[in-house]
């Protein structure tokens, strides 16, 4: 099991929209994530910077950011593109974070 973390940027004033969309996460997207070994997926918000910090446990090599070829993922990106910083394909601009400390 590996732990992955990354950050993304939310557009100013979109916290509640982001939260409500994730609280109603599409069942087929949740199934895809779980079927691909993603678990314990949390996203935190820094009010001062509008940065999102995501953490997930992954069994295997790939995390959620590696499912870009899946249609449901592309559809989710399109759905979220109006409230966050995105690339040309509507994927969120995502920067991996290096783990410097872990306590078990």
N, C-alpha and C. Protein backbone atom coordinates (compact mmCIF):
# COMPACT_ATOMS: atom_id res chain seq x y z
N UNK A 1 0.85 -1.18 0.00
CA UNK A 1 0.00 0.00 0.00
C UNK A 1 0.89 1.23 0.00
N UNK A 2 0.63 2.15 -0.90
CA UNK A 2 1.38 3.40 -0.89
C UNK A 2 0.44 4.57 -0.60
N UNK A 3 1.00 5.64 -0.10
CA UNK A 3 0.25 6.85 0.19
C UNK A 3 0.65 7.89 -0.83
N UNK A 4 -0.34 8.52 -1.45
CA UNK A 4 -0.09 9.57 -2.43
C UNK A 4 -0.73 10.86 -1.95
N UNK A 5 -0.08 11.97 -2.21
CA UNK A 5 -0.64 13.27 -1.89
C UNK A 5 -0.37 14.21 -3.06
N UNK A 6 -1.30 15.12 -3.29
CA UNK A 6 -1.14 16.11 -4.34
C UNK A 6 -1.97 17.33 -4.00
N UNK A 7 -1.66 18.42 -4.69
CA UNK A 7 -2.42 19.64 -4.44
C UNK A 7 -3.03 20.15 -5.75
N UNK A 8 -4.13 20.85 -5.59
CA UNK A 8 -4.86 21.46 -6.70
C UNK A 8 -5.33 22.83 -6.24
N UNK A 9 -5.80 23.66 -7.15
CA UNK A 9 -6.24 25.00 -6.78
C UNK A 9 -7.71 25.17 -7.13
N UNK A 10 -8.46 25.60 -6.13
CA UNK A 10 -9.89 25.88 -6.29
C UNK A 10 -10.06 27.35 -6.61
N UNK A 11 -10.99 27.67 -7.50
CA UNK A 11 -11.28 29.07 -7.78
C UNK A 11 -11.89 29.71 -6.52
N UNK A 12 -11.59 30.97 -6.32
CA UNK A 12 -12.06 31.70 -5.13
C UNK A 12 -13.59 31.65 -5.06
N UNK A 13 -14.09 31.39 -3.87
CA UNK A 13 -15.52 31.39 -3.63
C UNK A 13 -16.24 30.11 -4.02
N UNK A 14 -15.52 29.06 -4.38
CA UNK A 14 -16.14 27.83 -4.87
C UNK A 14 -16.10 26.67 -3.87
N UNK A 15 -15.71 26.96 -2.65
CA UNK A 15 -15.57 25.90 -1.64
C UNK A 15 -16.85 25.10 -1.46
N UNK A 16 -17.98 25.76 -1.26
CA UNK A 16 -19.23 25.05 -0.99
C UNK A 16 -19.71 24.25 -2.20
N UNK A 17 -19.50 24.78 -3.40
CA UNK A 17 -19.87 24.05 -4.62
C UNK A 17 -19.01 22.79 -4.74
N UNK A 18 -17.71 22.95 -4.53
CA UNK A 18 -16.78 21.81 -4.59
C UNK A 18 -17.20 20.74 -3.59
N UNK A 19 -17.47 21.18 -2.38
CA UNK A 19 -17.86 20.26 -1.31
C UNK A 19 -19.16 19.54 -1.65
N UNK A 20 -20.15 20.25 -2.14
CA UNK A 20 -21.43 19.61 -2.45
C UNK A 20 -21.31 18.63 -3.62
N UNK A 21 -20.50 18.96 -4.61
CA UNK A 21 -20.30 18.03 -5.74
C UNK A 21 -19.61 16.75 -5.28
N UNK A 22 -18.66 16.87 -4.39
CA UNK A 22 -17.98 15.68 -3.89
C UNK A 22 -18.84 14.88 -2.92
N UNK A 23 -19.69 15.54 -2.18
CA UNK A 23 -20.61 14.82 -1.30
C UNK A 23 -21.61 14.00 -2.09
N UNK A 24 -21.80 14.35 -3.35
CA UNK A 24 -22.70 13.61 -4.24
C UNK A 24 -21.88 12.91 -5.33
N UNK A 25 -20.70 12.41 -4.96
CA UNK A 25 -19.82 11.74 -5.92
C UNK A 25 -20.57 10.65 -6.67
N UNK A 26 -20.42 10.63 -7.96
CA UNK A 26 -21.11 9.66 -8.80
C UNK A 26 -20.71 8.24 -8.41
N UNK A 27 -21.67 7.36 -8.21
CA UNK A 27 -21.36 5.97 -7.81
C UNK A 27 -20.41 5.26 -8.76
N UNK A 28 -20.57 5.50 -10.06
CA UNK A 28 -19.70 4.82 -11.03
C UNK A 28 -18.26 5.33 -10.94
N UNK A 29 -18.07 6.58 -10.56
CA UNK A 29 -16.71 7.09 -10.37
C UNK A 29 -16.10 6.52 -9.10
N UNK A 30 -16.88 6.47 -8.04
CA UNK A 30 -16.41 5.87 -6.79
C UNK A 30 -16.01 4.41 -7.00
N UNK A 31 -16.82 3.67 -7.76
CA UNK A 31 -16.53 2.26 -8.05
C UNK A 31 -15.22 2.14 -8.84
N UNK A 32 -15.05 2.99 -9.84
CA UNK A 32 -13.82 2.97 -10.64
C UNK A 32 -12.59 3.19 -9.75
N UNK A 33 -12.67 4.16 -8.87
CA UNK A 33 -11.55 4.43 -7.97
C UNK A 33 -11.24 3.22 -7.10
N UNK A 34 -12.27 2.68 -6.47
CA UNK A 34 -12.08 1.52 -5.59
C UNK A 34 -11.57 0.31 -6.36
N UNK A 35 -12.14 0.07 -7.55
CA UNK A 35 -11.72 -1.06 -8.38
C UNK A 35 -10.26 -0.94 -8.83
N UNK A 36 -9.75 0.30 -8.82
CA UNK A 36 -8.36 0.52 -9.22
C UNK A 36 -7.44 0.74 -8.03
N UNK A 37 -7.90 0.33 -6.84
CA UNK A 37 -7.04 0.30 -5.66
C UNK A 37 -6.95 1.59 -4.86
N UNK A 38 -7.79 2.58 -5.18
CA UNK A 38 -7.76 3.84 -4.44
C UNK A 38 -8.67 3.72 -3.23
N UNK A 39 -8.12 4.02 -2.06
CA UNK A 39 -8.93 3.98 -0.83
C UNK A 39 -8.52 5.13 0.07
N UNK A 40 -9.30 5.34 1.11
CA UNK A 40 -9.03 6.40 2.07
C UNK A 40 -8.66 7.71 1.37
N UNK A 41 -9.49 8.13 0.46
CA UNK A 41 -9.27 9.34 -0.34
C UNK A 41 -9.86 10.52 0.41
N UNK A 42 -9.02 11.46 0.81
CA UNK A 42 -9.45 12.67 1.51
C UNK A 42 -8.95 13.89 0.76
N UNK A 43 -9.76 14.95 0.79
CA UNK A 43 -9.35 16.22 0.21
C UNK A 43 -9.58 17.29 1.26
N UNK A 44 -8.53 18.08 1.53
CA UNK A 44 -8.58 19.14 2.52
C UNK A 44 -8.47 20.49 1.80
N UNK A 45 -8.97 21.54 2.45
CA UNK A 45 -9.01 22.87 1.85
C UNK A 45 -8.28 23.88 2.73
N UNK A 46 -7.40 24.67 2.11
CA UNK A 46 -6.72 25.77 2.80
C UNK A 46 -7.40 27.07 2.40
N UNK A 47 -8.16 27.63 3.33
CA UNK A 47 -8.95 28.84 3.09
C UNK A 47 -8.09 30.02 2.65
N UNK A 48 -6.89 30.15 3.19
CA UNK A 48 -6.03 31.29 2.88
C UNK A 48 -5.54 31.30 1.44
N UNK A 49 -5.30 30.13 0.88
CA UNK A 49 -4.70 30.05 -0.46
C UNK A 49 -5.63 29.47 -1.51
N UNK A 50 -6.79 28.96 -1.10
CA UNK A 50 -7.71 28.23 -1.98
C UNK A 50 -7.10 26.97 -2.56
N UNK A 51 -6.08 26.44 -1.88
CA UNK A 51 -5.45 25.20 -2.33
C UNK A 51 -6.17 24.00 -1.72
N UNK A 52 -6.28 22.97 -2.52
CA UNK A 52 -6.82 21.69 -2.09
C UNK A 52 -5.64 20.75 -1.88
N UNK A 53 -5.67 20.01 -0.81
CA UNK A 53 -4.66 19.01 -0.52
C UNK A 53 -5.36 17.66 -0.52
N UNK A 54 -4.94 16.77 -1.40
CA UNK A 54 -5.57 15.46 -1.52
C UNK A 54 -4.61 14.37 -1.04
N UNK A 55 -5.18 13.39 -0.37
CA UNK A 55 -4.42 12.25 0.13
C UNK A 55 -5.21 10.99 -0.17
N UNK A 56 -4.51 9.97 -0.61
CA UNK A 56 -5.15 8.68 -0.86
C UNK A 56 -4.19 7.54 -0.62
N UNK A 57 -4.76 6.44 -0.20
CA UNK A 57 -3.99 5.20 -0.12
C UNK A 57 -4.30 4.43 -1.39
N UNK A 58 -3.25 3.81 -1.92
CA UNK A 58 -3.39 3.10 -3.19
C UNK A 58 -2.70 1.75 -3.08
N UNK A 59 -3.43 0.70 -3.44
CA UNK A 59 -2.80 -0.61 -3.56
C UNK A 59 -2.38 -0.73 -5.01
N UNK A 60 -1.13 -0.92 -5.24
CA UNK A 60 -0.61 -0.94 -6.60
C UNK A 60 0.22 0.31 -6.84
N UNK A 61 0.42 0.62 -8.11
CA UNK A 61 1.32 1.70 -8.49
C UNK A 61 0.60 3.00 -8.79
N UNK A 62 -0.63 2.93 -9.28
CA UNK A 62 -1.32 4.11 -9.79
C UNK A 62 -2.40 4.61 -8.84
N UNK A 63 -2.57 5.94 -8.83
CA UNK A 63 -3.62 6.56 -8.06
C UNK A 63 -4.69 7.13 -8.97
N UNK A 64 -5.55 7.93 -8.42
CA UNK A 64 -6.66 8.50 -9.18
C UNK A 64 -6.17 9.33 -10.36
N UNK A 65 -5.01 9.94 -10.23
CA UNK A 65 -4.49 10.79 -11.29
C UNK A 65 -4.04 10.00 -12.52
N UNK A 66 -4.04 8.68 -12.41
CA UNK A 66 -3.61 7.83 -13.51
C UNK A 66 -4.78 7.20 -14.27
N UNK A 67 -5.99 7.68 -14.02
CA UNK A 67 -7.18 7.12 -14.68
C UNK A 67 -7.70 8.04 -15.78
N UNK A 68 -6.84 8.85 -16.34
CA UNK A 68 -7.22 9.88 -17.31
C UNK A 68 -7.88 9.34 -18.57
N UNK A 69 -7.64 8.11 -18.92
CA UNK A 69 -8.20 7.56 -20.16
C UNK A 69 -9.65 7.10 -20.00
N UNK A 70 -10.16 7.06 -18.80
CA UNK A 70 -11.51 6.57 -18.53
C UNK A 70 -12.54 7.67 -18.81
N UNK A 71 -13.61 7.31 -19.54
CA UNK A 71 -14.63 8.29 -19.92
C UNK A 71 -15.29 8.95 -18.72
N UNK A 72 -15.56 8.20 -17.66
CA UNK A 72 -16.23 8.78 -16.49
C UNK A 72 -15.33 9.80 -15.80
N UNK A 73 -14.02 9.60 -15.86
CA UNK A 73 -13.08 10.56 -15.28
C UNK A 73 -13.09 11.85 -16.11
N UNK A 74 -13.09 11.72 -17.43
CA UNK A 74 -13.15 12.90 -18.30
C UNK A 74 -14.45 13.67 -18.08
N UNK A 75 -15.54 12.95 -17.89
CA UNK A 75 -16.84 13.58 -17.64
C UNK A 75 -16.81 14.33 -16.31
N UNK A 76 -16.19 13.75 -15.28
CA UNK A 76 -16.05 14.42 -13.97
C UNK A 76 -15.20 15.68 -14.11
N UNK A 77 -14.10 15.59 -14.85
CA UNK A 77 -13.26 16.77 -15.06
C UNK A 77 -14.06 17.89 -15.70
N UNK A 78 -14.85 17.55 -16.72
CA UNK A 78 -15.68 18.57 -17.38
C UNK A 78 -16.66 19.19 -16.39
N UNK A 79 -17.24 18.38 -15.54
CA UNK A 79 -18.18 18.82 -14.52
C UNK A 79 -17.53 19.77 -13.52
N UNK A 80 -16.26 19.55 -13.21
CA UNK A 80 -15.56 20.32 -12.19
C UNK A 80 -14.78 21.52 -12.76
N UNK A 81 -14.63 21.60 -14.07
CA UNK A 81 -13.74 22.59 -14.69
C UNK A 81 -14.12 24.04 -14.40
N UNK A 82 -15.38 24.30 -14.13
CA UNK A 82 -15.79 25.69 -13.91
C UNK A 82 -15.43 26.22 -12.53
N UNK A 83 -14.96 25.35 -11.62
CA UNK A 83 -14.69 25.82 -10.27
C UNK A 83 -13.24 25.63 -9.81
N UNK A 84 -12.39 25.14 -10.70
CA UNK A 84 -11.00 24.94 -10.30
C UNK A 84 -10.03 25.16 -11.45
N UNK A 85 -8.77 25.31 -11.10
CA UNK A 85 -7.73 25.48 -12.11
C UNK A 85 -7.56 24.18 -12.88
N UNK A 86 -7.60 24.26 -14.22
CA UNK A 86 -7.53 23.05 -15.04
C UNK A 86 -6.52 23.20 -16.18
N UNK A 87 -6.15 22.05 -16.73
CA UNK A 87 -5.34 21.99 -17.93
C UNK A 87 -6.27 22.11 -19.14
N UNK A 88 -5.69 22.10 -20.34
CA UNK A 88 -6.48 22.23 -21.58
C UNK A 88 -7.53 21.13 -21.76
N UNK A 89 -7.28 19.94 -21.20
CA UNK A 89 -8.23 18.83 -21.33
C UNK A 89 -9.23 18.79 -20.16
N UNK A 90 -9.27 19.86 -19.36
CA UNK A 90 -10.13 19.99 -18.18
C UNK A 90 -9.68 19.16 -16.98
N UNK A 91 -8.58 18.45 -17.10
CA UNK A 91 -8.05 17.76 -15.92
C UNK A 91 -7.57 18.82 -14.93
N UNK A 92 -7.72 18.55 -13.64
CA UNK A 92 -7.25 19.56 -12.69
C UNK A 92 -5.73 19.70 -12.74
N UNK A 93 -5.26 20.92 -12.62
CA UNK A 93 -3.82 21.12 -12.47
C UNK A 93 -3.47 20.50 -11.13
N UNK A 94 -2.66 19.49 -11.17
CA UNK A 94 -2.36 18.70 -9.98
C UNK A 94 -0.86 18.55 -9.83
N UNK A 95 -0.37 18.85 -8.63
CA UNK A 95 1.06 18.75 -8.38
C UNK A 95 1.29 17.73 -7.28
N UNK A 96 2.04 16.66 -7.59
CA UNK A 96 2.33 15.66 -6.57
C UNK A 96 3.17 16.26 -5.44
N UNK A 97 2.96 15.75 -4.26
CA UNK A 97 3.71 16.19 -3.09
C UNK A 97 4.58 15.05 -2.57
N UNK A 98 5.78 15.38 -2.19
CA UNK A 98 6.72 14.39 -1.66
C UNK A 98 6.46 14.17 -0.17
N UNK A 99 6.37 12.93 0.22
CA UNK A 99 6.21 12.61 1.64
C UNK A 99 7.55 12.73 2.34
N UNK A 100 7.60 13.54 3.37
CA UNK A 100 8.83 13.73 4.14
C UNK A 100 8.79 13.06 5.50
N UNK A 101 7.59 12.73 5.98
CA UNK A 101 7.46 12.12 7.30
C UNK A 101 6.21 11.27 7.33
N UNK A 102 6.31 10.12 7.99
CA UNK A 102 5.17 9.25 8.21
C UNK A 102 5.34 8.58 9.56
N UNK A 103 4.29 8.59 10.34
CA UNK A 103 4.31 7.90 11.63
C UNK A 103 3.21 6.86 11.63
N UNK A 104 3.55 5.66 11.93
CA UNK A 104 2.58 4.56 11.95
C UNK A 104 2.08 4.35 13.35
